[in-house]
């Protein structure tokens, strides 16, 4: 068994954030598929054995079970000594953008994608509201990237990996990324990081696509 075991499923951008970090760090890791869309993470056994919050991802390292993508990314940055920021000031800036992502960007864009792509629900005041929140967050990120190659300066950090988690699926989200040229350029730069891989390459399980 690999040293790092990531309980995940392809449709989770949060799981992808962690998978990408593991891959970029050259970790000995493997994904374990969670049938999240059929309620596996909400089962009593899953909550007792892996994550009482009933969420994905869960990173198992020996006897430790780590949850919440931001916390896992921080743990991995400290463990591998990579992508965590070079100075104390940078480390706090990385944390600031991870918290922004979790609350403002991923917190809204993941729900919008779930409604439109996974549940295939009709457009409503809810989707209109969520899309507005997404554009507000993306506009903030767009401005930040107008003066920085990556979110915190010239080098990639876990802030980038957190923020990009869902943005490689714009068609599924239903947002026109042409409105955000700096973000598009940044996503291309993220792809140039050595050992970068797409979500589909890192977590090869998909209920929606039939891949397993």
N, C-alpha and C. Protein backbone atom coordinates (compact mmCIF):
# COMPACT_ATOMS: atom_id res chain seq x y z
N UNK A 1 0.84 -1.20 0.00
CA UNK A 1 0.00 0.00 0.00
C UNK A 1 0.87 1.25 0.00
N UNK A 2 0.43 2.25 -0.70
CA UNK A 2 1.16 3.51 -0.77
C UNK A 2 1.19 4.20 0.59
N UNK A 3 2.16 5.08 0.78
CA UNK A 3 2.28 5.81 2.05
C UNK A 3 1.10 6.74 2.26
N UNK A 4 0.65 7.38 1.17
CA UNK A 4 -0.47 8.32 1.24
C UNK A 4 -1.65 7.75 0.46
N UNK A 5 -2.79 7.62 1.12
CA UNK A 5 -3.98 7.09 0.48
C UNK A 5 -5.05 8.18 0.48
N UNK A 6 -5.50 8.55 -0.71
CA UNK A 6 -6.45 9.65 -0.85
C UNK A 6 -7.83 9.12 -1.20
N UNK A 7 -8.75 9.23 -0.27
CA UNK A 7 -10.14 8.84 -0.51
C UNK A 7 -10.79 9.99 -1.26
N UNK A 8 -11.28 9.68 -2.46
CA UNK A 8 -11.64 10.74 -3.39
C UNK A 8 -12.60 10.24 -4.45
N UNK A 9 -13.09 11.18 -5.27
CA UNK A 9 -13.83 10.84 -6.48
C UNK A 9 -13.60 11.96 -7.48
N UNK A 10 -13.65 11.63 -8.75
CA UNK A 10 -13.21 12.55 -9.79
C UNK A 10 -13.96 13.86 -9.78
N UNK A 11 -15.24 13.85 -9.52
CA UNK A 11 -16.03 15.07 -9.60
C UNK A 11 -15.71 16.08 -8.50
N UNK A 12 -14.88 15.71 -7.54
CA UNK A 12 -14.52 16.61 -6.44
C UNK A 12 -13.29 17.43 -6.78
N UNK A 13 -13.47 18.72 -6.99
CA UNK A 13 -12.33 19.60 -7.18
C UNK A 13 -11.47 19.69 -5.93
N UNK A 14 -12.09 19.53 -4.77
CA UNK A 14 -11.32 19.54 -3.53
C UNK A 14 -10.38 18.35 -3.45
N UNK A 15 -10.84 17.20 -3.91
CA UNK A 15 -9.97 16.03 -3.96
C UNK A 15 -8.84 16.24 -4.96
N UNK A 16 -9.16 16.88 -6.08
CA UNK A 16 -8.13 17.15 -7.09
C UNK A 16 -7.02 18.03 -6.54
N UNK A 17 -7.37 19.03 -5.73
CA UNK A 17 -6.35 19.90 -5.14
C UNK A 17 -5.29 19.08 -4.41
N UNK A 18 -5.75 18.13 -3.63
CA UNK A 18 -4.83 17.31 -2.83
C UNK A 18 -4.06 16.34 -3.73
N UNK A 19 -4.76 15.72 -4.68
CA UNK A 19 -4.11 14.80 -5.61
C UNK A 19 -3.01 15.51 -6.39
N UNK A 20 -3.28 16.73 -6.83
CA UNK A 20 -2.29 17.48 -7.58
C UNK A 20 -1.06 17.78 -6.72
N UNK A 21 -1.29 18.18 -5.48
CA UNK A 21 -0.18 18.46 -4.58
C UNK A 21 0.67 17.22 -4.36
N UNK A 22 0.03 16.08 -4.13
CA UNK A 22 0.76 14.84 -3.93
C UNK A 22 1.61 14.50 -5.15
N UNK A 23 1.03 14.68 -6.33
CA UNK A 23 1.74 14.36 -7.56
C UNK A 23 2.93 15.31 -7.77
N UNK A 24 2.72 16.59 -7.53
CA UNK A 24 3.79 17.57 -7.74
C UNK A 24 4.93 17.39 -6.75
N UNK A 25 4.62 16.83 -5.59
CA UNK A 25 5.65 16.58 -4.57
C UNK A 25 6.34 15.24 -4.77
N UNK A 26 5.88 14.46 -5.74
CA UNK A 26 6.48 13.15 -5.97
C UNK A 26 6.18 12.17 -4.86
N UNK A 27 5.04 12.32 -4.22
CA UNK A 27 4.68 11.45 -3.10
C UNK A 27 4.33 10.04 -3.57
N UNK A 28 4.52 9.09 -2.69
CA UNK A 28 4.06 7.71 -2.90
C UNK A 28 2.60 7.67 -2.47
N UNK A 29 1.69 7.77 -3.45
CA UNK A 29 0.28 7.89 -3.09
C UNK A 29 -0.60 7.12 -4.07
N UNK A 30 -1.82 6.87 -3.64
CA UNK A 30 -2.80 6.22 -4.49
C UNK A 30 -4.20 6.71 -4.11
N UNK A 31 -5.09 6.79 -5.11
CA UNK A 31 -6.47 7.18 -4.82
C UNK A 31 -7.33 5.96 -4.49
N UNK A 32 -8.27 6.15 -3.60
CA UNK A 32 -9.29 5.15 -3.31
C UNK A 32 -10.64 5.79 -3.61
N UNK A 33 -11.41 5.16 -4.46
CA UNK A 33 -12.66 5.74 -4.92
C UNK A 33 -13.74 5.71 -3.85
N UNK A 34 -14.39 6.84 -3.66
CA UNK A 34 -15.55 6.96 -2.77
C UNK A 34 -16.77 7.23 -3.64
N UNK A 35 -17.77 6.40 -3.55
CA UNK A 35 -18.98 6.57 -4.36
C UNK A 35 -19.85 7.66 -3.72
N UNK A 36 -19.32 8.85 -3.76
CA UNK A 36 -19.91 9.98 -3.04
C UNK A 36 -21.32 10.29 -3.52
N UNK A 37 -21.52 10.24 -4.83
CA UNK A 37 -22.81 10.63 -5.39
C UNK A 37 -23.93 9.66 -5.06
N UNK A 38 -23.55 8.50 -4.55
CA UNK A 38 -24.55 7.53 -4.09
C UNK A 38 -24.60 7.46 -2.57
N UNK A 39 -23.99 8.45 -1.91
CA UNK A 39 -24.12 8.58 -0.47
C UNK A 39 -23.09 7.85 0.38
N UNK A 40 -22.03 7.34 -0.24
CA UNK A 40 -21.06 6.55 0.53
C UNK A 40 -20.43 7.34 1.66
N UNK A 41 -20.15 8.62 1.43
CA UNK A 41 -19.48 9.42 2.46
C UNK A 41 -20.40 9.79 3.61
N UNK A 42 -21.69 9.59 3.43
CA UNK A 42 -22.63 9.91 4.49
C UNK A 42 -23.03 8.68 5.30
N UNK A 43 -22.45 7.54 4.96
CA UNK A 43 -22.77 6.33 5.71
C UNK A 43 -22.18 6.38 7.11
N UNK A 44 -22.79 5.65 8.01
CA UNK A 44 -22.31 5.63 9.40
C UNK A 44 -20.88 5.10 9.47
N UNK A 45 -20.57 4.09 8.68
CA UNK A 45 -19.23 3.52 8.70
C UNK A 45 -18.19 4.52 8.23
N UNK A 46 -18.48 5.24 7.14
CA UNK A 46 -17.55 6.23 6.63
C UNK A 46 -17.30 7.32 7.67
N UNK A 47 -18.38 7.78 8.29
CA UNK A 47 -18.24 8.84 9.29
C UNK A 47 -17.43 8.37 10.49
N UNK A 48 -17.60 7.13 10.87
CA UNK A 48 -16.88 6.60 12.03
C UNK A 48 -15.43 6.28 11.70
N UNK A 49 -15.20 5.73 10.49
CA UNK A 49 -13.86 5.26 10.14
C UNK A 49 -12.97 6.32 9.51
N UNK A 50 -13.58 7.28 8.77
CA UNK A 50 -12.77 8.20 7.98
C UNK A 50 -12.99 9.68 8.31
N UNK A 51 -14.22 10.13 8.26
CA UNK A 51 -14.47 11.56 8.42
C UNK A 51 -15.86 11.80 8.98
N UNK A 52 -15.90 12.26 10.20
CA UNK A 52 -17.18 12.51 10.87
C UNK A 52 -18.00 13.57 10.16
N UNK A 53 -17.35 14.40 9.33
CA UNK A 53 -18.06 15.43 8.58
C UNK A 53 -18.76 14.89 7.34
N UNK A 54 -18.45 13.64 6.97
CA UNK A 54 -19.10 13.03 5.81
C UNK A 54 -18.67 13.65 4.50
N UNK A 55 -17.39 14.02 4.40
CA UNK A 55 -16.91 14.72 3.22
C UNK A 55 -15.70 14.03 2.60
N UNK A 56 -15.40 14.45 1.38
CA UNK A 56 -14.22 14.07 0.62
C UNK A 56 -13.47 15.38 0.33
N UNK A 57 -12.14 15.37 0.36
CA UNK A 57 -11.22 14.24 0.45
C UNK A 57 -10.85 13.89 1.88
N UNK A 58 -10.31 12.67 2.02
CA UNK A 58 -9.67 12.24 3.25
C UNK A 58 -8.30 11.67 2.86
N UNK A 59 -7.27 12.18 3.49
CA UNK A 59 -5.92 11.67 3.25
C UNK A 59 -5.49 10.84 4.45
N UNK A 60 -5.23 9.56 4.21
CA UNK A 60 -4.79 8.66 5.27
C UNK A 60 -3.28 8.51 5.18
N UNK A 61 -2.60 8.81 6.29
CA UNK A 61 -1.15 8.68 6.39
C UNK A 61 -0.86 7.86 7.63
N UNK A 62 -0.62 6.57 7.45
CA UNK A 62 -0.44 5.70 8.61
C UNK A 62 -1.71 5.67 9.43
N UNK A 63 -1.62 6.08 10.68
CA UNK A 63 -2.78 6.10 11.58
C UNK A 63 -3.52 7.43 11.54
N UNK A 64 -3.00 8.39 10.78
CA UNK A 64 -3.62 9.72 10.74
C UNK A 64 -4.63 9.81 9.61
N UNK A 65 -5.71 10.50 9.87
CA UNK A 65 -6.73 10.77 8.86
C UNK A 65 -6.92 12.27 8.79
N UNK A 66 -6.52 12.86 7.68
CA UNK A 66 -6.56 14.30 7.50
C UNK A 66 -7.72 14.68 6.59
N UNK A 67 -8.47 15.70 6.98
CA UNK A 67 -9.62 16.14 6.20
C UNK A 67 -9.56 17.65 5.99
N UNK A 68 -10.40 18.14 5.09
CA UNK A 68 -10.47 19.53 4.65
C UNK A 68 -9.26 19.85 3.78
N UNK A 69 -9.51 20.15 2.52
CA UNK A 69 -8.42 20.30 1.55
C UNK A 69 -7.40 21.35 1.95
N UNK A 70 -7.84 22.47 2.51
CA UNK A 70 -6.90 23.51 2.91
C UNK A 70 -5.95 23.03 3.99
N UNK A 71 -6.49 22.30 4.96
CA UNK A 71 -5.65 21.76 6.03
C UNK A 71 -4.68 20.70 5.49
N UNK A 72 -5.17 19.86 4.57
CA UNK A 72 -4.32 18.82 3.98
C UNK A 72 -3.20 19.44 3.16
N UNK A 73 -3.52 20.45 2.36
CA UNK A 73 -2.49 21.12 1.57
C UNK A 73 -1.41 21.73 2.47
N UNK A 74 -1.84 22.34 3.57
CA UNK A 74 -0.89 22.93 4.50
C UNK A 74 0.01 21.86 5.12
N UNK A 75 -0.59 20.75 5.50
CA UNK A 75 0.18 19.63 6.06
C UNK A 75 1.22 19.13 5.06
N UNK A 76 0.81 18.96 3.81
CA UNK A 76 1.73 18.44 2.80
C UNK A 76 2.83 19.44 2.49
N UNK A 77 2.50 20.74 2.46
CA UNK A 77 3.53 21.75 2.22
C UNK A 77 4.58 21.72 3.32
N UNK A 78 4.14 21.54 4.55
CA UNK A 78 5.08 21.47 5.67
C UNK A 78 5.87 20.16 5.63
N UNK A 79 5.22 19.07 5.26
CA UNK A 79 5.88 17.77 5.23
C UNK A 79 6.96 17.71 4.17
N UNK A 80 6.64 18.20 2.97
CA UNK A 80 7.57 18.11 1.85
C UNK A 80 8.47 19.34 1.71
N UNK A 81 8.14 20.39 2.44
CA UNK A 81 8.92 21.62 2.33
C UNK A 81 8.80 22.28 0.97
N UNK A 82 7.61 22.15 0.36
CA UNK A 82 7.38 22.70 -0.97
C UNK A 82 6.05 23.44 -1.03
N UNK A 83 6.03 24.48 -1.84
CA UNK A 83 4.79 25.17 -2.22
C UNK A 83 4.06 25.84 -1.05
N UNK A 84 4.76 26.07 0.04
CA UNK A 84 4.10 26.67 1.19
C UNK A 84 4.40 28.15 1.39
N UNK A 85 5.23 28.72 0.52
CA UNK A 85 5.68 30.09 0.70
C UNK A 85 7.07 30.10 1.30
N UNK A 86 7.89 31.05 0.87
CA UNK A 86 9.29 31.06 1.27
C UNK A 86 9.56 31.84 2.55
N UNK A 87 8.68 32.76 2.89
CA UNK A 87 8.87 33.59 4.08
C UNK A 87 7.62 33.53 4.94
N UNK A 88 7.72 34.03 6.16
CA UNK A 88 6.55 34.06 7.03
C UNK A 88 5.44 34.90 6.41
N UNK A 89 5.82 36.01 5.81
CA UNK A 89 4.82 36.86 5.16
C UNK A 89 4.11 36.11 4.03
N UNK A 90 4.88 35.39 3.22
CA UNK A 90 4.28 34.62 2.14
C UNK A 90 3.38 33.51 2.68
N UNK A 91 3.79 32.87 3.76
CA UNK A 91 2.97 31.79 4.32
C UNK A 91 1.61 32.30 4.78
N UNK A 92 1.58 33.47 5.39
CA UNK A 92 0.30 34.05 5.80
C UNK A 92 -0.53 34.47 4.58
N UNK A 93 0.15 34.94 3.54
CA UNK A 93 -0.56 35.31 2.32
C UNK A 93 -1.15 34.08 1.65
N UNK A 94 -0.40 32.98 1.65
CA UNK A 94 -0.93 31.71 1.12
C UNK A 94 -2.18 31.30 1.90
N UNK A 95 -2.11 31.37 3.22
CA UNK A 95 -3.26 31.01 4.04
C UNK A 95 -4.45 31.92 3.76
N UNK A 96 -4.18 33.21 3.57
CA UNK A 96 -5.26 34.16 3.28
C UNK A 96 -6.01 33.78 2.01
N UNK A 97 -5.27 33.39 0.97
CA UNK A 97 -5.92 33.04 -0.30
C UNK A 97 -6.60 31.68 -0.22
N UNK A 98 -6.09 30.76 0.56
CA UNK A 98 -6.78 29.47 0.74
C UNK A 98 -8.12 29.70 1.43
N UNK A 99 -8.13 30.54 2.45
CA UNK A 99 -9.38 30.82 3.16
C UNK A 99 -10.36 31.55 2.23
N UNK A 100 -9.84 32.47 1.44
CA UNK A 100 -10.69 33.15 0.45
C UNK A 100 -11.29 32.14 -0.52
N UNK A 101 -10.46 31.25 -1.02
CA UNK A 101 -10.95 30.23 -1.95
C UNK A 101 -12.05 29.39 -1.33
N UNK A 102 -11.77 28.86 -0.15
CA UNK A 102 -12.74 27.95 0.49
C UNK A 102 -14.09 28.63 0.72
N UNK A 103 -14.05 29.90 1.09
CA UNK A 103 -15.29 30.60 1.42
C UNK A 103 -15.95 31.26 0.21
N UNK A 104 -15.14 31.93 -0.62
CA UNK A 104 -15.71 32.76 -1.68
C UNK A 104 -15.76 32.10 -3.06
N UNK A 105 -14.71 31.33 -3.41
CA UNK A 105 -14.67 30.77 -4.75
C UNK A 105 -15.16 29.33 -4.77
N UNK A 106 -14.39 28.41 -4.22
CA UNK A 106 -14.83 27.01 -4.21
C UNK A 106 -16.17 26.86 -3.51
N UNK A 107 -16.38 27.63 -2.45
CA UNK A 107 -17.63 27.52 -1.70
C UNK A 107 -18.87 27.80 -2.53
N UNK A 108 -18.73 28.58 -3.60
CA UNK A 108 -19.86 28.89 -4.47
C UNK A 108 -19.79 28.14 -5.80
N UNK A 109 -18.59 28.08 -6.38
CA UNK A 109 -18.47 27.49 -7.72
C UNK A 109 -18.74 25.99 -7.70
N UNK A 110 -18.40 25.33 -6.61
CA UNK A 110 -18.65 23.89 -6.51
C UNK A 110 -20.14 23.59 -6.45
N UNK A 111 -20.88 24.45 -5.77
CA UNK A 111 -22.33 24.25 -5.67
C UNK A 111 -23.00 24.54 -7.01
N UNK A 112 -22.54 25.60 -7.67
CA UNK A 112 -23.11 25.93 -8.98
C UNK A 112 -22.87 24.79 -9.96
N UNK A 113 -21.67 24.24 -9.95
CA UNK A 113 -21.35 23.11 -10.84
C UNK A 113 -22.20 21.89 -10.49
N UNK A 114 -22.38 21.65 -9.20
CA UNK A 114 -23.18 20.50 -8.76
C UNK A 114 -24.61 20.63 -9.28
N UNK A 115 -25.19 21.81 -9.19
CA UNK A 115 -26.56 22.03 -9.64
C UNK A 115 -26.67 21.87 -11.15
N UNK A 116 -25.74 22.48 -11.88
CA UNK A 116 -25.85 22.50 -13.34
C UNK A 116 -25.38 21.21 -13.99
N UNK A 117 -24.26 20.69 -13.56
CA UNK A 117 -23.62 19.57 -14.26
C UNK A 117 -24.01 18.20 -13.69
N UNK A 118 -24.03 18.10 -12.38
CA UNK A 118 -24.29 16.79 -11.78
C UNK A 118 -25.78 16.55 -11.61
N UNK A 119 -26.49 17.51 -11.02
CA UNK A 119 -27.94 17.34 -10.81
C UNK A 119 -28.75 17.75 -12.03
N UNK A 120 -28.16 18.55 -12.90
CA UNK A 120 -28.82 19.02 -14.13
C UNK A 120 -30.18 19.67 -13.84
N UNK A 121 -30.18 20.53 -12.85
CA UNK A 121 -31.39 21.24 -12.46
C UNK A 121 -31.60 22.47 -13.34
N UNK A 122 -32.82 22.93 -13.41
CA UNK A 122 -33.14 24.11 -14.20
C UNK A 122 -32.51 25.37 -13.59
N UNK A 123 -32.30 26.36 -14.45
CA UNK A 123 -31.83 27.65 -13.97
C UNK A 123 -32.90 28.29 -13.08
N UNK A 124 -32.43 29.03 -12.08
CA UNK A 124 -33.36 29.59 -11.11
C UNK A 124 -32.71 30.80 -10.45
N UNK A 125 -33.39 31.37 -9.49
CA UNK A 125 -32.81 32.47 -8.73
C UNK A 125 -31.59 32.00 -7.95
N UNK A 126 -31.57 30.72 -7.61
CA UNK A 126 -30.43 30.17 -6.88
C UNK A 126 -29.18 30.17 -7.77
N UNK A 127 -29.31 29.66 -9.00
CA UNK A 127 -28.16 29.64 -9.89
C UNK A 127 -27.73 31.06 -10.26
N UNK A 128 -28.70 31.96 -10.40
CA UNK A 128 -28.36 33.35 -10.70
C UNK A 128 -27.55 33.96 -9.56
N UNK A 129 -27.98 33.69 -8.34
CA UNK A 129 -27.27 34.21 -7.16
C UNK A 129 -25.86 33.63 -7.08
N UNK A 130 -25.75 32.31 -7.24
CA UNK A 130 -24.45 31.66 -7.15
C UNK A 130 -23.50 32.14 -8.24
N UNK A 131 -24.02 32.31 -9.45
CA UNK A 131 -23.17 32.79 -10.54
C UNK A 131 -22.65 34.19 -10.24
N UNK A 132 -23.49 35.02 -9.67
CA UNK A 132 -23.04 36.35 -9.28
C UNK A 132 -21.93 36.30 -8.25
N UNK A 133 -22.07 35.41 -7.28
CA UNK A 133 -21.02 35.23 -6.26
C UNK A 133 -19.73 34.74 -6.90
N UNK A 134 -19.85 33.82 -7.85
CA UNK A 134 -18.66 33.29 -8.52
C UNK A 134 -17.94 34.39 -9.29
N UNK A 135 -18.69 35.20 -10.03
CA UNK A 135 -18.07 36.27 -10.80
C UNK A 135 -17.38 37.29 -9.87
N UNK A 136 -17.98 37.54 -8.72
CA UNK A 136 -17.37 38.47 -7.77
C UNK A 136 -16.02 37.93 -7.30
N UNK A 137 -15.97 36.64 -6.97
CA UNK A 137 -14.72 36.03 -6.51
C UNK A 137 -13.70 35.95 -7.64
N UNK A 138 -14.14 35.58 -8.83
CA UNK A 138 -13.23 35.49 -9.96
C UNK A 138 -12.65 36.86 -10.31
N UNK A 139 -13.42 37.90 -10.15
CA UNK A 139 -12.93 39.25 -10.44
C UNK A 139 -11.80 39.64 -9.49
N UNK A 140 -11.92 39.23 -8.24
CA UNK A 140 -10.86 39.50 -7.26
C UNK A 140 -9.59 38.74 -7.64
N UNK A 141 -9.75 37.47 -8.00
CA UNK A 141 -8.61 36.66 -8.43
C UNK A 141 -7.99 37.23 -9.70
N UNK A 142 -8.83 37.66 -10.64
CA UNK A 142 -8.35 38.24 -11.89
C UNK A 142 -7.46 39.46 -11.63
N UNK A 143 -7.87 40.31 -10.71
CA UNK A 143 -7.09 41.50 -10.38
C UNK A 143 -5.76 41.11 -9.75
N UNK A 144 -5.78 40.13 -8.85
CA UNK A 144 -4.54 39.69 -8.21
C UNK A 144 -3.54 39.18 -9.24
N UNK A 145 -4.04 38.48 -10.23
CA UNK A 145 -3.17 37.87 -11.24
C UNK A 145 -2.74 38.86 -12.32
N UNK A 146 -3.24 40.07 -12.25
CA UNK A 146 -2.79 41.10 -13.20
C UNK A 146 -1.38 41.58 -12.89
N UNK A 147 -0.93 41.36 -11.65
CA UNK A 147 0.40 41.80 -11.24
C UNK A 147 1.28 40.66 -10.74
N UNK A 148 0.75 39.45 -10.70
CA UNK A 148 1.51 38.29 -10.23
C UNK A 148 1.38 37.15 -11.22
N UNK A 149 2.48 36.44 -11.47
CA UNK A 149 2.38 35.26 -12.32
C UNK A 149 1.54 34.19 -11.64
N UNK A 150 1.82 33.95 -10.36
CA UNK A 150 1.01 33.05 -9.55
C UNK A 150 0.33 33.88 -8.46
N UNK A 151 -0.51 33.26 -7.68
CA UNK A 151 -1.33 34.03 -6.75
C UNK A 151 -0.48 34.77 -5.72
N UNK A 152 0.58 34.12 -5.23
CA UNK A 152 1.46 34.76 -4.26
C UNK A 152 2.84 34.89 -4.91
N UNK A 153 3.01 35.89 -5.76
CA UNK A 153 4.31 36.15 -6.36
C UNK A 153 4.59 35.35 -7.62
N UNK A 154 5.87 35.06 -7.82
CA UNK A 154 6.33 34.45 -9.07
C UNK A 154 6.40 32.93 -9.02
N UNK A 155 6.21 32.35 -7.85
CA UNK A 155 6.33 30.90 -7.71
C UNK A 155 5.00 30.28 -7.27
N UNK A 156 4.69 29.07 -7.75
CA UNK A 156 3.44 28.43 -7.36
C UNK A 156 3.44 28.01 -5.90
N UNK A 157 2.27 28.06 -5.30
CA UNK A 157 2.08 27.63 -3.91
C UNK A 157 0.77 26.87 -3.81
N UNK A 158 0.52 26.36 -2.62
CA UNK A 158 -0.73 25.64 -2.39
C UNK A 158 -1.94 26.56 -2.53
N UNK A 159 -1.73 27.87 -2.49
CA UNK A 159 -2.84 28.79 -2.77
C UNK A 159 -3.31 28.61 -4.20
N UNK A 160 -2.36 28.46 -5.13
CA UNK A 160 -2.72 28.22 -6.53
C UNK A 160 -3.48 26.91 -6.69
N UNK A 161 -3.00 25.86 -6.01
CA UNK A 161 -3.62 24.55 -6.16
C UNK A 161 -5.03 24.54 -5.58
N UNK A 162 -5.22 25.30 -4.50
CA UNK A 162 -6.56 25.41 -3.92
C UNK A 162 -7.51 26.14 -4.86
N UNK A 163 -7.07 27.29 -5.36
CA UNK A 163 -7.93 28.13 -6.19
C UNK A 163 -8.25 27.51 -7.55
N UNK A 164 -7.33 26.71 -8.10
CA UNK A 164 -7.57 26.17 -9.44
C UNK A 164 -8.40 24.89 -9.42
N UNK A 165 -8.73 24.39 -8.25
CA UNK A 165 -9.34 23.07 -8.13
C UNK A 165 -10.52 22.78 -9.04
N UNK A 166 -11.40 23.77 -9.21
CA UNK A 166 -12.59 23.57 -10.04
C UNK A 166 -12.51 24.27 -11.40
N UNK A 167 -11.45 25.03 -11.62
CA UNK A 167 -11.44 25.93 -12.78
C UNK A 167 -11.01 25.27 -14.08
N UNK A 168 -10.63 24.00 -14.04
CA UNK A 168 -10.34 23.28 -15.27
C UNK A 168 -11.62 22.68 -15.87
N UNK A 169 -12.79 22.98 -15.28
CA UNK A 169 -14.08 22.50 -15.77
C UNK A 169 -15.03 23.66 -16.06
N UNK A 170 -14.64 24.69 -16.82
CA UNK A 170 -15.51 25.85 -17.01
C UNK A 170 -16.83 25.52 -17.70
N UNK A 171 -16.79 24.58 -18.64
CA UNK A 171 -18.04 24.23 -19.34
C UNK A 171 -19.04 23.58 -18.38
N UNK A 172 -18.54 22.80 -17.45
CA UNK A 172 -19.42 22.15 -16.48
C UNK A 172 -20.00 23.16 -15.50
N UNK A 173 -19.23 24.19 -15.21
CA UNK A 173 -19.70 25.23 -14.29
C UNK A 173 -20.67 26.17 -15.00
N UNK A 174 -20.42 26.40 -16.29
CA UNK A 174 -21.27 27.31 -17.04
C UNK A 174 -20.85 28.76 -16.93
N UNK A 175 -19.53 28.98 -16.79
CA UNK A 175 -19.00 30.34 -16.70
C UNK A 175 -18.02 30.57 -17.85
N UNK A 176 -18.14 31.73 -18.49
CA UNK A 176 -17.29 32.08 -19.61
C UNK A 176 -15.96 32.60 -19.10
N UNK A 177 -14.92 31.77 -19.19
CA UNK A 177 -13.62 32.16 -18.67
C UNK A 177 -12.91 33.15 -19.58
N UNK A 178 -13.44 33.40 -20.78
CA UNK A 178 -12.86 34.44 -21.63
C UNK A 178 -12.98 35.82 -20.99
N UNK A 179 -13.86 35.94 -20.01
CA UNK A 179 -14.01 37.20 -19.28
C UNK A 179 -12.82 37.45 -18.37
N UNK A 180 -11.99 36.43 -18.17
CA UNK A 180 -10.91 36.51 -17.20
C UNK A 180 -9.59 36.08 -17.84
N UNK A 181 -9.01 36.93 -18.68
CA UNK A 181 -7.78 36.56 -19.39
C UNK A 181 -6.60 36.27 -18.47
N UNK A 182 -6.50 36.98 -17.35
CA UNK A 182 -5.39 36.71 -16.43
C UNK A 182 -5.52 35.34 -15.78
N UNK A 183 -6.74 34.95 -15.48
CA UNK A 183 -6.97 33.63 -14.90
C UNK A 183 -6.66 32.55 -15.93
N UNK A 184 -7.05 32.76 -17.17
CA UNK A 184 -6.74 31.77 -18.22
C UNK A 184 -5.23 31.62 -18.40
N UNK A 185 -4.53 32.74 -18.41
CA UNK A 185 -3.07 32.68 -18.52
C UNK A 185 -2.46 31.94 -17.34
N UNK A 186 -2.97 32.23 -16.14
CA UNK A 186 -2.49 31.58 -14.91
C UNK A 186 -2.74 30.08 -14.95
N UNK A 187 -3.90 29.65 -15.39
CA UNK A 187 -4.19 28.22 -15.48
C UNK A 187 -3.23 27.53 -16.44
N UNK A 188 -2.90 28.21 -17.53
CA UNK A 188 -1.90 27.67 -18.46
C UNK A 188 -0.54 27.56 -17.78
N UNK A 189 -0.20 28.54 -16.95
CA UNK A 189 1.08 28.49 -16.22
C UNK A 189 1.08 27.36 -15.21
N UNK A 190 -0.04 27.13 -14.56
CA UNK A 190 -0.13 26.01 -13.61
C UNK A 190 0.16 24.70 -14.34
N UNK A 191 -0.34 24.58 -15.56
CA UNK A 191 -0.12 23.36 -16.34
C UNK A 191 1.35 23.14 -16.70
N UNK A 192 2.15 24.19 -16.64
CA UNK A 192 3.57 24.05 -16.98
C UNK A 192 4.41 23.58 -15.81
N UNK A 193 3.83 23.51 -14.61
CA UNK A 193 4.59 23.04 -13.45
C UNK A 193 4.96 21.58 -13.67
N UNK A 194 6.19 21.25 -13.40
CA UNK A 194 6.68 19.88 -13.63
C UNK A 194 5.80 18.86 -12.91
N UNK A 195 5.36 17.85 -13.65
CA UNK A 195 4.53 16.74 -13.15
C UNK A 195 3.05 17.10 -13.02
N UNK A 196 2.64 18.29 -13.53
CA UNK A 196 1.22 18.62 -13.49
C UNK A 196 0.42 17.58 -14.28
N UNK A 197 -0.73 17.22 -13.74
CA UNK A 197 -1.66 16.33 -14.43
C UNK A 197 -3.08 16.83 -14.23
N UNK A 198 -3.94 16.47 -15.15
CA UNK A 198 -5.35 16.86 -15.08
C UNK A 198 -6.07 16.04 -14.03
N UNK A 199 -7.27 16.48 -13.61
CA UNK A 199 -8.05 15.69 -12.66
C UNK A 199 -8.29 14.26 -13.16
N UNK A 200 -8.59 14.13 -14.44
CA UNK A 200 -8.91 12.80 -15.00
C UNK A 200 -7.72 11.86 -14.97
N UNK A 201 -6.52 12.39 -15.01
CA UNK A 201 -5.32 11.57 -14.96
C UNK A 201 -4.98 11.14 -13.53
N UNK A 202 -5.38 11.94 -12.56
CA UNK A 202 -4.98 11.67 -11.18
C UNK A 202 -6.02 10.87 -10.40
N UNK A 203 -7.28 11.07 -10.73
CA UNK A 203 -8.34 10.35 -10.00
C UNK A 203 -9.19 9.64 -11.05
N UNK A 204 -8.76 8.46 -11.51
CA UNK A 204 -9.39 7.81 -12.66
C UNK A 204 -10.66 7.05 -12.32
N UNK A 205 -11.61 7.76 -11.72
CA UNK A 205 -12.91 7.15 -11.41
C UNK A 205 -13.98 8.19 -11.67
N UNK A 206 -15.00 7.84 -12.37
CA UNK A 206 -16.05 8.80 -12.64
C UNK A 206 -17.40 8.12 -12.79
N UNK A 207 -18.29 8.42 -11.90
CA UNK A 207 -19.65 7.90 -12.00
C UNK A 207 -20.34 8.45 -13.24
N UNK A 208 -20.12 9.75 -13.51
CA UNK A 208 -20.85 10.39 -14.60
C UNK A 208 -20.36 9.93 -15.97
N UNK A 209 -19.05 9.70 -16.11
CA UNK A 209 -18.53 9.34 -17.41
C UNK A 209 -18.48 7.82 -17.63
N UNK A 210 -18.72 7.07 -16.56
CA UNK A 210 -18.66 5.62 -16.68
C UNK A 210 -17.26 5.06 -16.60
N UNK A 211 -16.26 5.92 -16.34
CA UNK A 211 -14.88 5.44 -16.21
C UNK A 211 -14.65 4.92 -14.81
N UNK A 212 -13.95 3.82 -14.70
CA UNK A 212 -13.68 3.27 -13.37
C UNK A 212 -12.33 2.59 -13.37
